[in-house]
């Protein structure tokens, strides 16, 4: 099916382009969301009449997204989750969790704007890309830890995926005070 794009869509085209897409993509996503019109003569005339208005609306959304991106870019958010000693989470952090975390800090983000290919299943610092507008992206860091104290330690660069690091145990060589000389003598006799 051929459609006229009413806004820029990544990996598809710019506003005003006529592109060929699969029928299901057009019927189920582009047309209901108001992102495209079917490519026929009547709709081409309708688009040309509304072009200036659509470009102005797109520019307004883009500048709004850029101002939010400037505030968000490089920010760090902490998520406290329960995890095993190896750093494996007892669940996962999904796009919805990340959107809720950022929204709790006063920003308006939908889970659709969070670009996450696979759910996060380990503790640590994770870099996440937010698509605030088809032409504007921001990168934030999500710090996933078991406690707020561990989150601070991770920011300093510590790796908390071993039992020694978690509990603060240092590898010290065993000294002579752990061995009783009398026990050694009894074993040899």
C-alpha atoms as a PDB file:
ATOM      1  CA  UNK A   1       0.000   0.000   0.000  1.00  0.00           C
ATOM      2  CA  UNK A   2       1.287   3.492  -0.775  1.00  0.00           C
ATOM      3  CA  UNK A   3       0.886   6.197   1.871  1.00  0.00           C
ATOM      4  CA  UNK A   4       1.808   9.867   2.276  1.00  0.00           C
ATOM      5  CA  UNK A   5       3.725  10.445   5.524  1.00  0.00           C
ATOM      6  CA  UNK A   6       2.364  13.252   7.710  1.00  0.00           C
ATOM      7  CA  UNK A   7       5.484  13.246   9.930  1.00  0.00           C
ATOM      8  CA  UNK A   8       9.019  11.889   9.870  1.00  0.00           C
ATOM      9  CA  UNK A   9       9.136   8.186  10.706  1.00  0.00           C
ATOM     10  CA  UNK A  10      12.520   6.618  11.367  1.00  0.00           C
ATOM     11  CA  UNK A  11      13.638   3.956   8.878  1.00  0.00           C
ATOM     12  CA  UNK A  12      10.728   4.919   6.592  1.00  0.00           C
ATOM     13  CA  UNK A  13      10.889   8.512   5.359  1.00  0.00           C
ATOM     14  CA  UNK A  14      10.389  12.238   5.796  1.00  0.00           C
ATOM     15  CA  UNK A  15       7.158  14.240   5.988  1.00  0.00           C
ATOM     16  CA  UNK A  16       5.437  14.511   2.619  1.00  0.00           C
ATOM     17  CA  UNK A  17       7.105  11.491   1.032  1.00  0.00           C
ATOM     18  CA  UNK A  18       5.004   8.832  -0.639  1.00  0.00           C
ATOM     19  CA  UNK A  19       6.270   5.447   0.508  1.00  0.00           C
ATOM     20  CA  UNK A  20       5.206   1.868  -0.066  1.00  0.00           C
ATOM     21  CA  UNK A  21       4.524  -0.079   3.155  1.00  0.00           C
ATOM     22  CA  UNK A  22       2.909  -3.366   4.039  1.00  0.00           C
ATOM     23  CA  UNK A  23      -0.867  -3.262   4.304  1.00  0.00           C
ATOM     24  CA  UNK A  24      -0.961  -4.294   7.966  1.00  0.00           C
ATOM     25  CA  UNK A  25       1.566  -1.627   9.017  1.00  0.00           C
ATOM     26  CA  UNK A  26      -0.524   1.041   7.297  1.00  0.00           C
ATOM     27  CA  UNK A  27      -3.912  -0.241   8.531  1.00  0.00           C
ATOM     28  CA  UNK A  28      -2.887  -0.987  12.114  1.00  0.00           C
ATOM     29  CA  UNK A  29      -0.340   1.732  12.884  1.00  0.00           C
ATOM     30  CA  UNK A  30       0.182   4.572  10.411  1.00  0.00           C
ATOM     31  CA  UNK A  31      -3.435   5.377   9.515  1.00  0.00           C
ATOM     32  CA  UNK A  32      -5.065   5.056  12.988  1.00  0.00           C
ATOM     33  CA  UNK A  33      -2.260   7.076  14.640  1.00  0.00           C
ATOM     34  CA  UNK A  34      -2.638   9.872  12.097  1.00  0.00           C
ATOM     35  CA  UNK A  35       0.930   9.470  10.865  1.00  0.00           C
ATOM     36  CA  UNK A  36      -0.012   8.897   7.213  1.00  0.00           C
ATOM     37  CA  UNK A  37      -2.753   9.149   4.597  1.00  0.00           C
ATOM     38  CA  UNK A  38      -3.514   6.717   1.768  1.00  0.00           C
ATOM     39  CA  UNK A  39      -1.791   7.903  -1.408  1.00  0.00           C
ATOM     40  CA  UNK A  40      -4.600   8.894  -3.764  1.00  0.00           C
ATOM     41  CA  UNK A  41      -5.292  12.129  -5.645  1.00  0.00           C
ATOM     42  CA  UNK A  42      -7.790  13.498  -3.115  1.00  0.00           C
ATOM     43  CA  UNK A  43      -5.422  12.916  -0.185  1.00  0.00           C
ATOM     44  CA  UNK A  44      -2.465  14.409  -2.103  1.00  0.00           C
ATOM     45  CA  UNK A  45      -4.445  17.632  -2.593  1.00  0.00           C
ATOM     46  CA  UNK A  46      -5.553  17.559   1.045  1.00  0.00           C
ATOM     47  CA  UNK A  47      -1.927  17.109   2.182  1.00  0.00           C
ATOM     48  CA  UNK A  48      -0.650  19.986   0.026  1.00  0.00           C
ATOM     49  CA  UNK A  49      -3.337  22.233   1.531  1.00  0.00           C
ATOM     50  CA  UNK A  50      -2.324  21.303   5.073  1.00  0.00           C
ATOM     51  CA  UNK A  51       1.446  21.088   4.474  1.00  0.00           C
ATOM     52  CA  UNK A  52       2.345  24.467   6.052  1.00  0.00           C
ATOM     53  CA  UNK A  53       0.175  23.725   9.074  1.00  0.00           C
ATOM     54  CA  UNK A  54       1.710  20.237   9.519  1.00  0.00           C
ATOM     55  CA  UNK A  55       5.266  21.577   9.188  1.00  0.00           C
ATOM     56  CA  UNK A  56       4.569  24.279  11.786  1.00  0.00           C
ATOM     57  CA  UNK A  57       3.120  21.712  14.203  1.00  0.00           C
ATOM     58  CA  UNK A  58       6.115  19.418  13.617  1.00  0.00           C
ATOM     59  CA  UNK A  59       8.572  22.283  14.252  1.00  0.00           C
ATOM     60  CA  UNK A  60       6.742  23.198  17.465  1.00  0.00           C
ATOM     61  CA  UNK A  61       6.891  19.592  18.723  1.00  0.00           C
ATOM     62  CA  UNK A  62      10.556  19.348  17.768  1.00  0.00           C
ATOM     63  CA  UNK A  63      11.580  22.499  19.692  1.00  0.00           C
ATOM     64  CA  UNK A  64       9.576  21.300  22.699  1.00  0.00           C
ATOM     65  CA  UNK A  65      11.326  17.897  22.541  1.00  0.00           C
ATOM     66  CA  UNK A  66      14.739  19.583  22.227  1.00  0.00           C
ATOM     67  CA  UNK A  67      14.171  21.618  25.394  1.00  0.00           C
ATOM     68  CA  UNK A  68      13.209  18.442  27.294  1.00  0.00           C
ATOM     69  CA  UNK A  69      16.208  16.596  25.786  1.00  0.00           C
ATOM     70  CA  UNK A  70      18.598  19.311  27.026  1.00  0.00           C
ATOM     71  CA  UNK A  71      17.305  18.851  30.570  1.00  0.00           C
ATOM     72  CA  UNK A  72      17.301  15.038  30.376  1.00  0.00           C
ATOM     73  CA  UNK A  73      20.517  14.328  28.452  1.00  0.00           C
ATOM     74  CA  UNK A  74      23.149  12.782  30.702  1.00  0.00           C
ATOM     75  CA  UNK A  75      20.932  12.564  33.795  1.00  0.00           C
ATOM     76  CA  UNK A  76      21.128   9.504  35.996  1.00  0.00           C
ATOM     77  CA  UNK A  77      18.210   7.699  37.644  1.00  0.00           C
ATOM     78  CA  UNK A  78      18.387   5.062  40.387  1.00  0.00           C
ATOM     79  CA  UNK A  79      16.192   1.957  40.423  1.00  0.00           C
ATOM     80  CA  UNK A  80      16.318  -0.246  43.536  1.00  0.00           C
ATOM     81  CA  UNK A  81      15.525  -3.888  42.774  1.00  0.00           C
ATOM     82  CA  UNK A  82      16.127  -7.194  44.528  1.00  0.00           C
ATOM     83  CA  UNK A  83      18.859  -9.333  43.002  1.00  0.00           C
ATOM     84  CA  UNK A  84      21.006 -12.366  43.693  1.00  0.00           C
ATOM     85  CA  UNK A  85      24.658 -12.311  44.686  1.00  0.00           C
ATOM     86  CA  UNK A  86      25.807 -12.573  41.077  1.00  0.00           C
ATOM     87  CA  UNK A  87      23.946  -9.387  40.148  1.00  0.00           C
ATOM     88  CA  UNK A  88      21.080 -11.177  38.386  1.00  0.00           C
ATOM     89  CA  UNK A  89      17.734  -9.446  39.034  1.00  0.00           C
ATOM     90  CA  UNK A  90      14.729 -11.401  40.336  1.00  0.00           C
ATOM     91  CA  UNK A  91      12.721 -10.005  37.444  1.00  0.00           C
ATOM     92  CA  UNK A  92      13.626  -7.394  34.862  1.00  0.00           C
ATOM     93  CA  UNK A  93      13.482  -3.663  34.241  1.00  0.00           C
ATOM     94  CA  UNK A  94      11.276  -2.924  31.240  1.00  0.00           C
ATOM     95  CA  UNK A  95      10.441   0.188  29.233  1.00  0.00           C
ATOM     96  CA  UNK A  96       7.430   0.816  31.470  1.00  0.00           C
ATOM     97  CA  UNK A  97       9.632   0.770  34.603  1.00  0.00           C
ATOM     98  CA  UNK A  98      12.090   3.207  33.037  1.00  0.00           C
ATOM     99  CA  UNK A  99       9.295   5.547  31.886  1.00  0.00           C
ATOM    100  CA  UNK A 100       7.747   5.483  35.382  1.00  0.00           C
ATOM    101  CA  UNK A 101      11.146   6.206  36.959  1.00  0.00           C
ATOM    102  CA  UNK A 102      11.757   9.232  34.713  1.00  0.00           C
ATOM    103  CA  UNK A 103       8.171  10.471  35.087  1.00  0.00           C
ATOM    104  CA  UNK A 104       8.537  10.336  38.886  1.00  0.00           C
ATOM    105  CA  UNK A 105      11.397  12.857  38.525  1.00  0.00           C
ATOM    106  CA  UNK A 106       9.071  15.351  36.842  1.00  0.00           C
ATOM    107  CA  UNK A 107       9.503  14.588  33.134  1.00  0.00           C
ATOM    108  CA  UNK A 108       6.696  13.402  30.869  1.00  0.00           C
ATOM    109  CA  UNK A 109       7.893  10.233  29.103  1.00  0.00           C
ATOM    110  CA  UNK A 110       5.834   7.414  27.571  1.00  0.00           C
ATOM    111  CA  UNK A 111       7.122   3.856  27.512  1.00  0.00           C
ATOM    112  CA  UNK A 112       6.942   4.030  23.693  1.00  0.00           C
ATOM    113  CA  UNK A 113       9.680   6.677  23.796  1.00  0.00           C
ATOM    114  CA  UNK A 114      12.133   4.393  25.635  1.00  0.00           C
ATOM    115  CA  UNK A 115      14.302   2.492  23.156  1.00  0.00           C
ATOM    116  CA  UNK A 116      15.190  -0.792  24.809  1.00  0.00           C
ATOM    117  CA  UNK A 117      15.801  -3.853  22.653  1.00  0.00           C
ATOM    118  CA  UNK A 118      15.828  -6.353  25.532  1.00  0.00           C
ATOM    119  CA  UNK A 119      14.748  -5.991  29.158  1.00  0.00           C
ATOM    120  CA  UNK A 120      17.509  -5.260  31.660  1.00  0.00           C
ATOM    121  CA  UNK A 121      18.164  -8.279  33.886  1.00  0.00           C
ATOM    122  CA  UNK A 122      21.371  -7.342  35.767  1.00  0.00           C
ATOM    123  CA  UNK A 123      22.410  -4.684  38.244  1.00  0.00           C
ATOM    124  CA  UNK A 124      24.789  -1.953  37.124  1.00  0.00           C
ATOM    125  CA  UNK A 125      24.807   1.233  35.092  1.00  0.00           C
ATOM    126  CA  UNK A 126      22.817   1.012  31.850  1.00  0.00           C
ATOM    127  CA  UNK A 127      22.738   3.686  29.151  1.00  0.00           C
ATOM    128  CA  UNK A 128      19.228   4.168  27.705  1.00  0.00           C
ATOM    129  CA  UNK A 129      18.196   6.150  24.609  1.00  0.00           C
ATOM    130  CA  UNK A 130      14.923   8.109  24.725  1.00  0.00           C
ATOM    131  CA  UNK A 131      13.292   9.051  21.399  1.00  0.00           C
ATOM    132  CA  UNK A 132      11.456  12.223  22.401  1.00  0.00           C
ATOM    133  CA  UNK A 133      10.659  13.113  18.779  1.00  0.00           C
ATOM    134  CA  UNK A 134      11.515  11.346  15.512  1.00  0.00           C
ATOM    135  CA  UNK A 135      14.416  13.814  15.128  1.00  0.00           C
ATOM    136  CA  UNK A 136      15.375  14.298  18.822  1.00  0.00           C
ATOM    137  CA  UNK A 137      16.982  11.748  21.136  1.00  0.00           C
ATOM    138  CA  UNK A 138      18.357  11.940  24.675  1.00  0.00           C
ATOM    139  CA  UNK A 139      20.547   9.476  26.553  1.00  0.00           C
ATOM    140  CA  UNK A 140      20.080   8.794  30.264  1.00  0.00           C
ATOM    141  CA  UNK A 141      21.789   6.406  32.658  1.00  0.00           C
ATOM    142  CA  UNK A 142      19.747   3.975  34.741  1.00  0.00           C
ATOM    143  CA  UNK A 143      21.598   2.815  37.862  1.00  0.00           C
ATOM    144  CA  UNK A 144      20.076  -0.496  38.983  1.00  0.00           C
ATOM    145  CA  UNK A 145      21.158  -1.619  42.442  1.00  0.00           C
ATOM    146  CA  UNK A 146      19.926  -3.575  45.467  1.00  0.00           C
ATOM    147  CA  UNK A 147      20.081  -0.546  47.813  1.00  0.00           C
ATOM    148  CA  UNK A 148      20.679   3.197  47.571  1.00  0.00           C
ATOM    149  CA  UNK A 149      24.119   2.644  49.172  1.00  0.00           C
ATOM    150  CA  UNK A 150      25.046   0.151  46.444  1.00  0.00           C
ATOM    151  CA  UNK A 151      23.875   2.630  43.803  1.00  0.00           C
ATOM    152  CA  UNK A 152      26.338   5.197  45.159  1.00  0.00           C
ATOM    153  CA  UNK A 153      29.124   2.592  45.163  1.00  0.00           C
ATOM    154  CA  UNK A 154      28.340   1.677  41.532  1.00  0.00           C
ATOM    155  CA  UNK A 155      28.543   5.331  40.486  1.00  0.00           C
ATOM    156  CA  UNK A 156      32.073   5.426  41.952  1.00  0.00           C
ATOM    157  CA  UNK A 157      32.982   2.525  39.682  1.00  0.00           C
ATOM    158  CA  UNK A 158      32.703  -0.518  41.952  1.00  0.00           C
ATOM    159  CA  UNK A 159      31.615  -3.857  40.517  1.00  0.00           C
ATOM    160  CA  UNK A 160      29.014  -5.377  42.847  1.00  0.00           C
ATOM    161  CA  UNK A 161      28.515  -8.751  41.185  1.00  0.00           C
ATOM    162  CA  UNK A 162      30.569 -10.813  43.647  1.00  0.00           C
ATOM    163  CA  UNK A 163      29.904 -11.753  47.275  1.00  0.00           C
ATOM    164  CA  UNK A 164      33.171 -10.107  48.386  1.00  0.00           C
ATOM    165  CA  UNK A 165      32.161  -6.764  46.873  1.00  0.00           C
ATOM    166  CA  UNK A 166      28.613  -6.955  48.228  1.00  0.00           C
ATOM    167  CA  UNK A 167      29.502  -7.727  51.815  1.00  0.00           C
ATOM    168  CA  UNK A 168      32.798  -5.816  51.937  1.00  0.00           C
ATOM    169  CA  UNK A 169      34.927  -8.953  52.428  1.00  0.00           C
ATOM    170  CA  UNK A 170      38.536  -8.475  51.412  1.00  0.00           C
ATOM    171  CA  UNK A 171      40.665 -11.352  50.210  1.00  0.00           C
ATOM    172  CA  UNK A 172      43.275 -11.625  52.952  1.00  0.00           C
ATOM    173  CA  UNK A 173      45.716 -14.511  53.116  1.00  0.00           C
ATOM    174  CA  UNK A 174      45.180 -16.883  55.993  1.00  0.00           C
ATOM    175  CA  UNK A 175      47.625 -16.084  58.771  1.00  0.00           C
ATOM    176  CA  UNK A 176      49.236 -18.381  61.319  1.00  0.00           C
ATOM    177  CA  UNK A 177      46.778 -17.398  64.047  1.00  0.00           C
ATOM    178  CA  UNK A 178      44.092 -19.520  62.379  1.00  0.00           C
ATOM    179  CA  UNK A 179      46.133 -22.677  62.819  1.00  0.00           C
ATOM    180  CA  UNK A 180      46.741 -24.163  66.222  1.00  0.00           C
ATOM    181  CA  UNK A 181      50.166 -25.767  66.387  1.00  0.00           C
ATOM    182  CA  UNK A 182      48.928 -28.448  68.795  1.00  0.00           C
ATOM    183  CA  UNK A 183      46.400 -29.722  66.226  1.00  0.00           C
ATOM    184  CA  UNK A 184      49.095 -30.107  63.577  1.00  0.00           C
ATOM    185  CA  UNK A 185      51.256 -32.166  65.959  1.00  0.00           C
ATOM    186  CA  UNK A 186      48.372 -34.509  66.837  1.00  0.00           C
ATOM    187  CA  UNK A 187      47.657 -35.305  63.172  1.00  0.00           C
ATOM    188  CA  UNK A 188      51.266 -36.398  62.541  1.00  0.00           C
ATOM    189  CA  UNK A 189      51.411 -38.726  65.542  1.00  0.00           C
END
